[in-house]
N, C-alpha and C. Protein backbone atom coordinates (compact mmCIF):
# COMPACT_ATOMS: atom_id res chain seq x y z
N UNK A 1 -25.10 -40.36 -37.69
CA UNK A 1 -25.42 -39.86 -36.31
C UNK A 1 -25.98 -40.66 -35.40
N UNK A 2 -25.30 -41.68 -34.67
CA UNK A 2 -27.27 -42.31 -33.98
C UNK A 2 -27.15 -41.69 -32.49
N UNK A 3 -27.84 -40.32 -32.71
CA UNK A 3 -28.36 -39.59 -31.41
C UNK A 3 -29.45 -40.15 -30.60
N UNK A 4 -30.32 -41.18 -30.71
CA UNK A 4 -31.32 -42.19 -29.37
C UNK A 4 -31.25 -44.33 -30.10
N UNK A 5 -31.73 -44.86 -29.29
CA UNK A 5 -32.45 -46.13 -29.35
C UNK A 5 -33.54 -45.91 -28.91
N UNK A 6 -33.85 -46.60 -29.53
CA UNK A 6 -35.56 -47.44 -28.77
C UNK A 6 -35.74 -48.41 -28.69
N UNK A 7 -35.56 -49.55 -27.51
CA UNK A 7 -35.49 -50.99 -28.39
C UNK A 7 -36.25 -51.70 -26.27
N UNK A 8 -35.91 -53.57 -26.88
CA UNK A 8 -36.05 -53.62 -25.71
C UNK A 8 -33.95 -53.50 -25.04
N UNK A 9 -34.27 -53.75 -23.91
CA UNK A 9 -33.30 -54.37 -22.54
C UNK A 9 -32.97 -55.56 -23.00
N UNK A 10 -31.34 -55.94 -24.01
CA UNK A 10 -31.55 -57.24 -24.07
C UNK A 10 -30.39 -58.05 -23.28
N UNK A 11 -29.12 -57.83 -22.32
CA UNK A 11 -28.40 -57.27 -21.72
C UNK A 11 -27.29 -56.67 -20.61
N UNK A 12 -27.16 -56.93 -19.86
CA UNK A 12 -26.43 -56.25 -18.36
C UNK A 12 -24.98 -56.81 -18.16
N UNK A 13 -24.04 -56.41 -18.71
CA UNK A 13 -23.02 -56.80 -17.90
C UNK A 13 -22.18 -55.70 -17.83
N UNK A 14 -22.36 -54.71 -16.60
CA UNK A 14 -21.16 -53.26 -16.52
C UNK A 14 -19.82 -53.63 -17.33
N UNK A 15 -19.90 -51.79 -17.77
CA UNK A 15 -20.77 -50.82 -18.53
C UNK A 15 -21.29 -51.38 -19.56
N UNK A 16 -21.50 -52.83 -20.01
CA UNK A 16 -21.95 -52.74 -21.81
C UNK A 16 -23.07 -53.38 -20.93
N UNK A 17 -23.42 -52.27 -22.24
CA UNK A 17 -25.52 -53.02 -22.70
C UNK A 17 -25.85 -53.10 -23.66
N UNK A 18 -26.30 -54.66 -24.38
CA UNK A 18 -26.65 -54.46 -25.82
C UNK A 18 -28.53 -54.18 -25.36
N UNK A 19 -28.45 -53.32 -26.36
CA UNK A 19 -30.34 -53.07 -26.89
C UNK A 19 -31.12 -53.46 -27.96
N UNK A 20 -31.39 -54.80 -28.13
CA UNK A 20 -32.16 -55.32 -28.60
C UNK A 20 -33.69 -53.92 -30.01
N UNK A 21 -32.87 -53.63 -30.78
CA UNK A 21 -33.79 -52.66 -32.21
C UNK A 21 -34.37 -53.39 -32.99
N UNK A 22 -35.14 -53.70 -33.24
CA UNK A 22 -35.46 -54.46 -33.92
C UNK A 22 -35.32 -55.09 -34.95
N UNK A 23 -34.71 -56.37 -33.71
CA UNK A 23 -33.68 -57.04 -33.91
C UNK A 23 -32.55 -57.15 -33.87
N UNK A 24 -31.28 -56.47 -34.00
CA UNK A 24 -30.36 -55.46 -34.28
C UNK A 24 -29.73 -55.15 -33.08
N UNK A 25 -29.14 -55.87 -32.25
CA UNK A 25 -28.36 -56.16 -30.73
C UNK A 25 -27.22 -54.69 -31.01
N UNK A 26 -27.78 -53.45 -30.36
CA UNK A 26 -26.69 -52.54 -30.17
C UNK A 26 -25.69 -52.40 -28.79
N UNK A 27 -24.19 -52.36 -29.33
CA UNK A 27 -23.31 -52.81 -27.49
C UNK A 27 -23.28 -51.27 -27.77
N UNK A 28 -23.87 -51.16 -26.16
CA UNK A 28 -23.60 -49.68 -25.67
C UNK A 28 -23.42 -49.25 -24.60
N UNK A 29 -22.20 -48.74 -24.23
CA UNK A 29 -21.26 -48.34 -23.40
C UNK A 29 -21.97 -47.02 -22.29
N UNK A 30 -22.64 -47.51 -20.97
CA UNK A 30 -23.12 -46.29 -20.20
C UNK A 30 -22.45 -46.39 -18.40
N UNK A 31 -22.02 -44.96 -17.76
CA UNK A 31 -22.52 -45.03 -16.89
C UNK A 31 -22.99 -45.57 -16.11
N UNK A 32 -22.39 -45.93 -14.73
CA UNK A 32 -23.05 -46.92 -13.65
C UNK A 32 -24.30 -45.54 -13.40
N UNK A 33 -24.32 -44.87 -13.53
CA UNK A 33 -25.85 -43.22 -13.17
C UNK A 33 -26.69 -43.98 -13.86
N UNK A 34 -26.22 -44.24 -15.30
CA UNK A 34 -27.09 -45.27 -16.09
C UNK A 34 -27.44 -46.00 -16.05
N UNK A 35 -27.10 -46.88 -15.79
CA UNK A 35 -27.52 -48.73 -15.47
C UNK A 35 -27.78 -48.90 -14.20
N UNK A 36 -27.68 -47.89 -13.18
CA UNK A 36 -28.51 -48.01 -11.68
C UNK A 36 -30.29 -47.33 -12.39
N UNK A 37 -30.88 -47.14 -13.38
CA UNK A 37 -31.58 -46.60 -13.86
C UNK A 37 -32.47 -47.36 -14.72
N UNK A 38 -31.94 -48.16 -15.79
CA UNK A 38 -32.21 -49.06 -15.92
C UNK A 38 -33.58 -50.15 -15.51
N UNK A 39 -34.80 -50.63 -17.07
CA UNK A 39 -36.03 -51.19 -16.27
C UNK A 39 -35.13 -52.59 -16.60
N UNK A 40 -36.19 -53.37 -16.22
CA UNK A 40 -35.62 -55.09 -16.13
C UNK A 40 -35.17 -55.48 -17.98
N UNK A 41 -34.56 -56.49 -17.66
CA UNK A 41 -34.28 -57.23 -18.83
C UNK A 41 -35.56 -57.64 -19.63
N UNK A 42 -35.45 -57.45 -20.87
CA UNK A 42 -36.38 -57.20 -22.42
C UNK A 42 -38.33 -55.64 -21.94
N UNK A 43 -37.89 -55.56 -20.98
CA UNK A 43 -38.20 -54.20 -20.89
C UNK A 43 -38.02 -53.56 -22.38
N UNK A 44 -38.43 -52.46 -22.04
CA UNK A 44 -37.95 -50.89 -23.22
C UNK A 44 -38.00 -50.28 -22.73
N UNK A 45 -36.75 -49.67 -23.09
CA UNK A 45 -35.46 -48.75 -22.73
C UNK A 45 -35.14 -47.53 -23.77
N UNK A 46 -34.64 -46.55 -24.15
CA UNK A 46 -34.57 -45.13 -24.56
C UNK A 46 -33.51 -44.57 -24.27
N UNK A 47 -32.30 -44.00 -24.31
CA UNK A 47 -30.88 -44.04 -24.53
C UNK A 47 -31.10 -42.96 -25.02
N UNK A 48 -30.14 -41.53 -24.78
CA UNK A 48 -29.92 -41.16 -25.65
C UNK A 48 -28.15 -41.26 -25.55
N UNK A 49 -27.88 -41.30 -26.53
CA UNK A 49 -26.47 -41.82 -27.49
C UNK A 49 -25.78 -40.78 -27.74
N UNK A 50 -23.94 -41.31 -27.36
CA UNK A 50 -23.44 -40.23 -28.50
C UNK A 50 -22.07 -41.50 -29.62
N UNK A 51 -22.30 -41.29 -30.31
CA UNK A 51 -21.08 -42.23 -30.92
C UNK A 51 -19.63 -41.11 -31.82
N UNK A 52 -18.72 -42.91 -30.63
CA UNK A 52 -17.67 -41.68 -30.37
C UNK A 52 -16.86 -42.78 -31.49
N UNK A 53 -15.68 -42.06 -32.78
CA UNK A 53 -15.01 -43.40 -33.77
C UNK A 53 -13.49 -42.08 -33.07
N UNK A 54 -12.83 -43.33 -33.42
CA UNK A 54 -11.64 -43.48 -33.35
C UNK A 54 -10.99 -43.49 -34.62
N UNK A 55 -9.91 -44.13 -35.05
CA UNK A 55 -9.05 -45.08 -36.06
C UNK A 55 -9.40 -46.39 -36.01
N UNK A 56 -9.66 -46.98 -34.59
CA UNK A 56 -9.36 -48.24 -34.50
C UNK A 56 -11.24 -49.05 -33.39
N UNK A 57 -12.16 -47.42 -33.98
CA UNK A 57 -13.34 -48.66 -33.42
C UNK A 57 -14.57 -47.20 -33.89
N UNK A 58 -15.24 -48.20 -33.41
CA UNK A 58 -16.65 -47.15 -33.08
C UNK A 58 -17.42 -47.63 -31.98
N UNK A 59 -17.89 -46.61 -30.97
CA UNK A 59 -18.53 -47.07 -29.83
C UNK A 59 -19.70 -46.22 -29.38
N UNK A 60 -20.52 -46.71 -29.48
CA UNK A 60 -21.51 -46.62 -29.05
C UNK A 60 -22.09 -45.62 -27.23
N UNK A 61 -21.74 -44.86 -26.68
CA UNK A 61 -22.87 -44.43 -25.18
C UNK A 61 -23.99 -44.20 -24.98
N UNK A 62 -24.47 -45.03 -24.27
CA UNK A 62 -25.79 -44.51 -23.82
C UNK A 62 -25.80 -43.84 -22.41
N UNK A 63 -26.94 -43.04 -22.65
CA UNK A 63 -27.01 -42.08 -21.44
C UNK A 63 -28.95 -41.95 -20.64
N UNK A 64 -29.03 -42.25 -20.29
CA UNK A 64 -31.07 -41.91 -19.18
C UNK A 64 -31.22 -40.73 -20.11
N UNK A 65 -30.18 -40.00 -19.36
CA UNK A 65 -31.14 -38.20 -18.89
C UNK A 65 -29.57 -37.29 -20.46
N UNK A 66 -30.08 -36.23 -21.52
CA UNK A 66 -29.84 -35.43 -21.86
C UNK A 66 -28.31 -34.80 -21.29
N UNK A 67 -29.14 -34.56 -19.59
CA UNK A 67 -28.33 -34.09 -19.79
C UNK A 67 -26.79 -34.37 -19.53
N UNK A 68 -27.12 -36.42 -19.09
CA UNK A 68 -25.89 -36.62 -18.45
C UNK A 68 -24.88 -36.28 -19.73
N UNK A 69 -25.74 -36.62 -21.17
CA UNK A 69 -25.24 -36.82 -22.00
C UNK A 69 -24.24 -35.59 -23.08
N UNK A 70 -24.28 -34.41 -22.42
CA UNK A 70 -24.57 -33.06 -22.40
C UNK A 70 -23.03 -33.11 -21.35
N UNK A 71 -22.99 -33.18 -20.64
CA UNK A 71 -21.86 -33.58 -19.55
C UNK A 71 -20.79 -33.96 -19.86
N UNK A 72 -21.47 -35.41 -20.48
CA UNK A 72 -19.80 -36.50 -21.14
C UNK A 72 -19.60 -35.93 -22.43
N UNK A 73 -19.67 -35.24 -23.80
CA UNK A 73 -19.08 -34.25 -24.28
C UNK A 73 -18.59 -32.94 -23.72
N UNK A 74 -19.64 -32.67 -22.98
CA UNK A 74 -18.54 -31.57 -22.35
C UNK A 74 -16.82 -32.51 -21.61
N UNK A 75 -16.73 -33.17 -21.50
CA UNK A 75 -15.68 -33.40 -20.44
C UNK A 75 -14.71 -34.45 -21.62
N UNK A 76 -15.18 -35.13 -22.31
CA UNK A 76 -14.13 -35.36 -23.52
C UNK A 76 -13.60 -34.10 -24.41
N UNK A 77 -14.19 -32.96 -24.32
CA UNK A 77 -13.51 -32.00 -24.91
C UNK A 77 -11.99 -31.34 -23.45
N UNK A 78 -11.89 -31.74 -22.94
CA UNK A 78 -11.19 -31.56 -21.60
C UNK A 78 -9.81 -32.01 -22.64
N UNK A 79 -8.87 -31.30 -22.46
CA UNK A 79 -7.21 -31.93 -22.76
C UNK A 79 -6.99 -33.22 -21.86
N UNK A 80 -6.62 -34.39 -22.78
CA UNK A 80 -6.59 -35.40 -21.48
C UNK A 80 -7.64 -36.12 -21.46
N UNK A 81 -8.95 -35.98 -21.31
CA UNK A 81 -10.07 -36.80 -20.98
C UNK A 81 -10.54 -37.18 -22.13
N UNK A 82 -10.19 -38.82 -22.36
CA UNK A 82 -10.94 -39.54 -23.42
C UNK A 82 -12.05 -39.92 -22.98
N UNK A 83 -13.61 -40.77 -24.34
CA UNK A 83 -15.02 -41.78 -23.72
C UNK A 83 -14.68 -42.54 -22.12
N UNK A 84 -13.48 -42.95 -21.97
CA UNK A 84 -13.82 -43.84 -20.60
C UNK A 84 -13.69 -43.38 -19.62
N UNK A 85 -12.49 -42.14 -19.44
CA UNK A 85 -12.43 -40.99 -18.21
C UNK A 85 -13.58 -40.76 -17.88
N UNK A 86 -13.97 -40.27 -19.10
CA UNK A 86 -15.45 -39.24 -19.27
C UNK A 86 -17.13 -40.28 -18.33
N UNK A 87 -16.45 -41.82 -18.81
CA UNK A 87 -17.59 -42.72 -18.67
C UNK A 87 -17.33 -43.17 -17.29
N UNK A 88 -16.18 -43.29 -16.72
CA UNK A 88 -15.44 -43.72 -15.02
C UNK A 88 -15.67 -42.79 -14.48
N UNK A 89 -15.69 -41.16 -14.73
CA UNK A 89 -15.97 -39.69 -14.02
C UNK A 89 -17.61 -40.31 -13.33
N UNK A 90 -18.36 -40.40 -14.62
CA UNK A 90 -20.28 -40.59 -15.10
C UNK A 90 -20.24 -41.51 -13.62
N UNK A 91 -20.22 -42.88 -13.83
CA UNK A 91 -19.93 -43.46 -12.97
C UNK A 91 -20.33 -43.61 -11.56
N UNK A 92 -18.90 -41.72 -11.25
CA UNK A 92 -18.73 -42.55 -9.31
C UNK A 92 -19.95 -40.35 -8.70
N UNK A 93 -18.83 -39.44 -9.81
CA UNK A 93 -20.19 -38.78 -9.52
C UNK A 93 -21.33 -38.16 -10.29
N UNK A 94 -22.05 -37.90 -10.42
CA UNK A 94 -23.98 -37.59 -10.97
C UNK A 94 -23.18 -35.95 -11.57
N UNK A 95 -23.49 -35.57 -12.04
CA UNK A 95 -23.82 -34.31 -12.32
C UNK A 95 -23.94 -33.24 -11.85
N UNK A 96 -24.49 -33.36 -10.27
CA UNK A 96 -24.48 -32.41 -9.33
C UNK A 96 -23.43 -32.06 -8.21
N UNK A 97 -23.24 -33.99 -7.96
CA UNK A 97 -21.79 -34.07 -7.01
C UNK A 97 -20.38 -33.93 -7.59
N UNK A 98 -20.28 -33.93 -9.76
CA UNK A 98 -19.27 -33.45 -10.23
C UNK A 98 -19.46 -31.72 -10.12
N UNK A 99 -20.30 -31.08 -10.33
CA UNK A 99 -20.95 -29.00 -10.72
C UNK A 99 -19.92 -28.98 -9.04
N UNK A 100 -20.22 -29.69 -7.66
CA UNK A 100 -19.93 -29.22 -6.36
C UNK A 100 -17.93 -29.09 -6.25
N UNK A 101 -17.87 -30.28 -6.64
CA UNK A 101 -16.41 -30.94 -6.60
C UNK A 101 -16.08 -29.09 -7.59
N UNK A 102 -16.28 -29.15 -8.40
CA UNK A 102 -15.30 -28.24 -9.22
C UNK A 102 -15.51 -26.74 -8.74
N UNK A 103 -17.20 -25.84 -7.49
CA UNK A 103 -17.32 -25.27 -7.51
C UNK A 103 -16.74 -24.86 -5.94
N UNK A 104 -15.36 -26.21 -5.31
CA UNK A 104 -15.41 -26.27 -4.37
C UNK A 104 -14.62 -26.41 -4.47
N UNK A 105 -13.74 -26.33 -5.46
CA UNK A 105 -12.13 -26.76 -5.79
C UNK A 105 -11.53 -28.05 -5.29
N UNK A 106 -12.30 -28.96 -5.49
CA UNK A 106 -11.90 -30.78 -4.88
C UNK A 106 -11.00 -31.96 -5.82
N UNK A 107 -9.66 -31.24 -5.48
CA UNK A 107 -9.33 -31.74 -6.44
C UNK A 107 -8.87 -33.53 -5.66
N UNK A 108 -9.08 -33.62 -4.42
CA UNK A 108 -9.10 -35.41 -4.06
C UNK A 108 -9.80 -35.77 -4.22
N UNK A 109 -10.66 -35.44 -4.22
CA UNK A 109 -12.47 -36.36 -4.40
C UNK A 109 -12.13 -37.13 -6.37
N UNK A 110 -11.46 -35.51 -6.71
CA UNK A 110 -11.56 -35.78 -8.74
C UNK A 110 -10.45 -37.31 -8.63
N UNK A 111 -9.81 -37.18 -7.86
CA UNK A 111 -8.89 -37.83 -8.40
C UNK A 111 -8.77 -39.80 -7.66
N UNK A 112 -10.02 -39.87 -6.37
CA UNK A 112 -10.37 -41.18 -6.13
C UNK A 112 -10.50 -41.77 -7.73
N UNK A 113 -10.81 -40.66 -9.01
CA UNK A 113 -11.86 -41.92 -10.55
C UNK A 113 -10.67 -42.30 -11.27
N UNK A 114 -10.62 -43.67 -11.89
CA UNK A 114 -9.82 -44.80 -12.19
C UNK A 114 -8.67 -43.71 -12.70
N UNK A 115 -7.50 -43.48 -13.03
CA UNK A 115 -6.87 -42.16 -14.29
C UNK A 115 -6.97 -40.74 -14.38
N UNK A 116 -7.97 -40.32 -13.63
CA UNK A 116 -7.49 -39.23 -12.81
C UNK A 116 -6.53 -38.44 -12.27
N UNK A 117 -5.65 -38.29 -12.43
CA UNK A 117 -4.25 -37.80 -11.48
C UNK A 117 -4.62 -36.05 -11.52
N UNK A 118 -3.25 -36.21 -10.36
CA UNK A 118 -3.67 -34.39 -10.18
C UNK A 118 -4.38 -33.27 -10.82
N UNK A 119 -3.60 -33.24 -12.24
CA UNK A 119 -2.55 -31.99 -12.97
C UNK A 119 -4.79 -32.66 -14.48
N UNK A 120 -5.06 -33.61 -14.00
CA UNK A 120 -6.33 -33.91 -14.82
C UNK A 120 -7.32 -33.48 -13.90
N UNK A 121 -7.26 -33.46 -12.87
CA UNK A 121 -8.68 -33.01 -11.66
C UNK A 121 -8.77 -31.84 -12.18
N UNK A 122 -7.24 -31.32 -10.83
CA UNK A 122 -6.86 -29.68 -11.63
C UNK A 122 -7.21 -29.21 -13.10
N UNK A 123 -7.00 -30.13 -13.90
CA UNK A 123 -7.67 -29.72 -15.06
C UNK A 123 -9.14 -29.26 -15.76
N UNK A 124 -9.27 -30.06 -14.94
CA UNK A 124 -11.22 -30.46 -15.11
C UNK A 124 -12.21 -29.62 -14.45
N UNK A 125 -11.63 -29.08 -12.83
CA UNK A 125 -11.89 -27.52 -12.30
C UNK A 125 -11.85 -26.60 -12.97
N UNK A 126 -10.52 -26.65 -13.56
CA UNK A 126 -10.45 -24.68 -14.43
C UNK A 126 -11.68 -25.12 -15.90
N UNK A 127 -11.92 -26.12 -16.71
CA UNK A 127 -12.04 -25.90 -17.53
C UNK A 127 -13.84 -25.74 -17.71
N UNK A 128 -14.14 -26.67 -16.69
CA UNK A 128 -15.32 -26.76 -16.02
C UNK A 128 -16.21 -26.42 -15.35
N UNK A 129 -15.52 -25.08 -14.41
CA UNK A 129 -15.92 -24.28 -13.82
C UNK A 129 -16.56 -22.50 -14.31
N UNK A 130 -16.67 -22.83 -15.94
CA UNK A 130 -17.49 -21.55 -16.07
C UNK A 130 -18.59 -22.56 -17.07
N UNK A 131 -18.90 -23.54 -16.86
CA UNK A 131 -19.83 -24.95 -17.22
C UNK A 131 -20.92 -24.84 -16.93
N UNK A 132 -20.90 -25.28 -15.48
CA UNK A 132 -21.25 -26.13 -13.98
C UNK A 132 -21.41 -25.40 -13.33
N UNK A 133 -22.69 -25.19 -12.81
CA UNK A 133 -23.41 -24.96 -11.44
C UNK A 133 -23.95 -26.05 -10.56
N UNK A 134 -23.42 -25.20 -8.91
CA UNK A 134 -23.71 -26.43 -7.45
C UNK A 134 -24.21 -27.43 -8.07
N UNK A 135 -25.99 -26.75 -8.53
CA UNK A 135 -27.35 -27.56 -8.78
C UNK A 135 -27.64 -27.92 -9.85
N UNK A 136 -25.86 -27.99 -10.93
CA UNK A 136 -26.79 -28.71 -12.10
C UNK A 136 -27.25 -30.07 -11.55
N UNK A 137 -28.47 -30.80 -12.72
CA UNK A 137 -29.05 -32.00 -13.14
C UNK A 137 -29.85 -31.86 -11.54
N UNK A 138 -30.25 -30.57 -10.78
CA UNK A 138 -30.79 -31.50 -9.77
C UNK A 138 -32.97 -30.91 -10.29
N UNK A 139 -32.93 -30.39 -11.33
CA UNK A 139 -34.09 -29.64 -12.12
C UNK A 139 -34.37 -30.41 -13.08
N UNK A 140 -35.75 -30.73 -13.61
CA UNK A 140 -36.53 -30.07 -14.91
C UNK A 140 -35.11 -31.34 -16.03
N UNK A 141 -34.73 -32.21 -15.32
CA UNK A 141 -34.42 -33.12 -16.77
C UNK A 141 -34.81 -34.94 -15.95
N UNK A 142 -35.58 -34.69 -17.08
CA UNK A 142 -36.86 -35.98 -16.27
C UNK A 142 -36.03 -36.91 -17.82
N UNK A 143 -36.46 -38.13 -17.15
CA UNK A 143 -35.49 -39.46 -18.04
C UNK A 143 -36.56 -39.91 -19.16
N UNK A 144 -36.03 -40.64 -20.11
CA UNK A 144 -36.78 -40.80 -20.91
C UNK A 144 -37.71 -41.86 -20.66
N UNK A 145 -37.24 -42.75 -20.36
CA UNK A 145 -37.35 -43.74 -19.63
C UNK A 145 -37.32 -44.87 -18.05
N UNK A 146 -38.12 -45.27 -16.98
CA UNK A 146 -37.08 -44.81 -15.42
C UNK A 146 -37.57 -45.65 -14.72
N UNK A 147 -36.88 -47.03 -14.49
CA UNK A 147 -38.73 -48.26 -14.31
C UNK A 147 -37.30 -49.03 -13.56
N UNK A 148 -37.58 -49.66 -13.15
CA UNK A 148 -36.90 -50.74 -11.76
C UNK A 148 -35.52 -50.82 -12.09
N UNK A 149 -35.00 -50.63 -11.56
CA UNK A 149 -34.09 -50.93 -11.29
C UNK A 149 -33.53 -52.42 -11.82
N UNK A 150 -32.44 -52.32 -12.46
CA UNK A 150 -32.39 -53.85 -12.73
C UNK A 150 -31.57 -54.90 -12.54
N UNK A 151 -32.50 -55.99 -12.77
CA UNK A 151 -32.85 -57.09 -11.39
C UNK A 151 -31.46 -58.10 -11.88
N UNK A 152 -30.42 -58.96 -10.16
CA UNK A 152 -29.21 -58.88 -11.21
C UNK A 152 -28.89 -60.70 -9.64
N UNK A 153 -28.68 -61.64 -10.33
CA UNK A 153 -29.00 -62.55 -10.24
C UNK A 153 -26.62 -62.42 -9.37
N UNK A 154 -26.36 -62.14 -9.76
CA UNK A 154 -24.55 -62.62 -9.06
C UNK A 154 -24.48 -61.85 -8.30
N UNK A 155 -23.50 -61.68 -7.76
CA UNK A 155 -23.06 -60.91 -6.17
C UNK A 155 -21.20 -60.51 -6.82
N UNK A 156 -20.03 -60.47 -5.71
CA UNK A 156 -19.80 -59.89 -6.12
C UNK A 156 -19.01 -60.02 -6.87
N UNK A 157 -18.25 -61.47 -7.20
CA UNK A 157 -17.60 -60.89 -8.85
C UNK A 157 -17.91 -60.37 -9.40
N UNK A 158 -19.86 -59.99 -10.18
CA UNK A 158 -19.82 -59.42 -11.31
C UNK A 158 -19.58 -58.36 -10.66
N UNK A 159 -20.20 -57.50 -9.78
CA UNK A 159 -19.76 -56.32 -8.92
C UNK A 159 -18.22 -55.14 -9.19
N UNK A 160 -17.57 -56.37 -8.81
CA UNK A 160 -15.51 -56.20 -8.77
C UNK A 160 -15.31 -56.37 -10.42
N UNK A 161 -16.03 -57.19 -11.05
CA UNK A 161 -15.76 -57.21 -13.17
C UNK A 161 -16.46 -55.57 -13.94
N UNK A 162 -17.44 -55.41 -12.65
CA UNK A 162 -18.13 -54.16 -13.38
C UNK A 162 -16.60 -53.22 -13.09
N UNK A 163 -16.04 -53.30 -11.89
CA UNK A 163 -15.45 -52.03 -11.52
C UNK A 163 -14.31 -51.96 -11.90
N UNK A 164 -13.87 -53.80 -12.38
CA UNK A 164 -12.29 -53.44 -13.29
C UNK A 164 -12.45 -52.72 -15.01
N UNK A 165 -13.98 -53.08 -15.35
CA UNK A 165 -14.55 -51.86 -16.42
C UNK A 165 -14.16 -50.89 -16.13
N UNK A 166 -14.41 -50.44 -15.74
CA UNK A 166 -14.92 -49.49 -15.29
C UNK A 166 -13.15 -48.71 -15.42
N UNK A 167 -12.70 -48.56 -14.72
CA UNK A 167 -10.79 -48.55 -14.80
C UNK A 167 -10.12 -48.73 -13.63
N UNK A 168 -11.01 -49.14 -12.19
CA UNK A 168 -10.50 -48.99 -11.51
C UNK A 168 -10.04 -50.61 -11.27
N UNK A 169 -8.21 -50.88 -10.07
CA UNK A 169 -7.59 -51.78 -10.32
C UNK A 169 -8.32 -52.84 -9.55
N UNK A 170 -8.21 -54.33 -9.69
CA UNK A 170 -8.75 -54.95 -9.56
C UNK A 170 -8.48 -56.03 -8.02
N UNK A 171 -7.18 -54.80 -7.45
CA UNK A 171 -7.02 -55.00 -5.78
C UNK A 171 -8.04 -54.06 -5.22
N UNK A 172 -7.28 -53.16 -6.36
CA UNK A 172 -9.13 -51.72 -5.27
C UNK A 172 -10.53 -52.24 -5.26
N UNK A 173 -10.73 -53.05 -6.65
CA UNK A 173 -12.08 -53.01 -7.11
C UNK A 173 -12.50 -53.84 -5.33
N UNK A 174 -11.70 -54.96 -5.41
CA UNK A 174 -11.67 -55.69 -4.37
C UNK A 174 -12.23 -55.62 -3.20
N UNK A 175 -11.32 -54.15 -2.96
CA UNK A 175 -11.88 -53.94 -1.22
C UNK A 175 -12.93 -53.17 -1.64
N UNK A 176 -13.20 -52.35 -2.41
CA UNK A 176 -14.18 -51.34 -2.52
C UNK A 176 -15.63 -52.70 -2.49
N UNK A 177 -15.62 -53.76 -3.07
CA UNK A 177 -16.53 -54.25 -3.33
C UNK A 177 -16.82 -54.63 -1.90
N UNK A 178 -15.57 -55.17 -1.21
CA UNK A 178 -15.56 -55.49 0.41
C UNK A 178 -15.87 -55.06 1.50
N UNK A 179 -15.85 -53.97 1.05
CA UNK A 179 -16.43 -52.83 1.77
C UNK A 179 -17.92 -52.86 2.30
N UNK A 180 -18.68 -53.14 0.86
CA UNK A 180 -19.91 -52.34 -0.02
C UNK A 180 -20.76 -54.20 0.83
N UNK A 181 -20.09 -55.21 0.89
CA UNK A 181 -20.62 -56.44 1.00
C UNK A 181 -21.20 -56.35 2.75
N UNK A 182 -19.44 -56.16 3.35
CA UNK A 182 -20.34 -55.94 5.13
C UNK A 182 -20.77 -54.85 5.18
N UNK A 183 -21.10 -54.04 4.26
CA UNK A 183 -22.48 -53.04 4.95
C UNK A 183 -24.01 -53.40 4.39
N UNK A 184 -23.80 -53.14 3.74
CA UNK A 184 -25.73 -54.72 3.13
C UNK A 184 -24.82 -56.31 2.48
N UNK A 185 -25.00 -56.89 3.28
CA UNK A 185 -24.49 -58.20 3.15
C UNK A 185 -25.49 -58.96 1.51
N UNK A 186 -26.95 -58.51 2.32
CA UNK A 186 -27.55 -59.52 0.62
C UNK A 186 -28.15 -58.68 -0.19
N UNK A 187 -27.33 -57.50 -0.50
CA UNK A 187 -27.50 -56.46 -2.04
C UNK A 187 -27.25 -57.66 -2.75
N UNK A 188 -27.28 -57.43 -3.46
CA UNK A 188 -27.41 -57.90 -5.60
C UNK A 188 -26.24 -57.28 -6.11
N UNK A 189 -25.42 -57.38 -7.21
CA UNK A 189 -24.86 -56.90 -7.88
C UNK A 189 -24.54 -54.99 -7.94
N UNK A 190 -26.17 -55.34 -8.00
CA UNK A 190 -25.59 -53.33 -8.76
C UNK A 190 -25.43 -53.10 -7.45
N UNK A 191 -26.74 -52.75 -6.52
CA UNK A 191 -25.76 -52.77 -5.40
C UNK A 191 -24.69 -51.88 -4.62
N UNK A 192 -24.38 -53.16 -4.51
CA UNK A 192 -22.97 -53.43 -3.80
C UNK A 192 -21.93 -52.08 -5.02
N UNK A 193 -21.82 -51.91 -6.70
CA UNK A 193 -21.20 -51.40 -7.17
C UNK A 193 -21.80 -49.80 -6.50
N UNK A 194 -23.38 -49.58 -6.57
CA UNK A 194 -23.56 -48.70 -5.89
C UNK A 194 -22.89 -48.05 -4.53
N UNK A 195 -23.26 -49.03 -3.41
CA UNK A 195 -22.69 -49.16 -2.35
C UNK A 195 -20.39 -48.34 -2.44
N UNK A 196 -20.38 -48.97 -3.15
CA UNK A 196 -18.69 -49.47 -3.86
C UNK A 196 -18.36 -47.82 -4.40
N UNK A 197 -18.81 -47.29 -5.47
CA UNK A 197 -19.43 -46.13 -6.04
C UNK A 197 -19.14 -45.17 -4.57
N UNK A 198 -19.99 -45.30 -3.75
CA UNK A 198 -21.00 -43.65 -2.65
C UNK A 198 -19.84 -43.94 -2.53
N UNK A 199 -18.40 -44.80 -1.88
CA UNK A 199 -17.67 -44.89 -0.79
C UNK A 199 -16.20 -44.23 -1.45
N UNK A 200 -16.41 -43.95 -2.83
CA UNK A 200 -15.59 -43.40 -3.36
C UNK A 200 -15.50 -41.45 -2.97
N UNK A 201 -17.25 -41.00 -3.32
CA UNK A 201 -17.53 -40.01 -3.52
C UNK A 201 -17.30 -39.11 -2.73
N UNK A 202 -17.30 -37.89 -2.63
CA UNK A 202 -16.73 -36.70 -1.91
C UNK A 202 -18.07 -36.60 -1.03
N UNK A 203 -17.73 -36.80 0.29
CA UNK A 203 -18.50 -36.14 1.31
C UNK A 203 -19.76 -35.04 1.19
């Protein structure tokens, strides 16, 4: 089991990261909440990791905060929620926002996440109610290593591709990014993704 990676950030193509550990490149899938806190390319990074093993693949998932990894592991224990859906949930909602959704029985906010239907949202609320508190993630969870947000040179196309990779339909991703561009015309792709996902989060 690989529980943590320490190396240099070699590439970022949301939600996929490449971490160079002494010459070995590890491909890691990460939620946007982690990607927003990554250091610049070539800089040291440490990630808490979870290795998901299926009949067809082995995939590493990485998180800046251990609390996010714990939440990811809690989510994939919910019936009908796999790693891909858990990644999408944690990309659109941080731990505190998800805890508020659960506390407020906010099904409408959860079904905005790609792949989450009403029944799955209701199941999430029921199964997470005793596991999350409204102040989840607000205190004492210090990232292993946080620095400047990854600099981006691409624009709307990269942002749209990242949203599609998270499970949003191409047309929906295009609309989300278009709204983000109108809100902040000079934003790089990381900022566009953040704005797009913010528009899907509960008020």
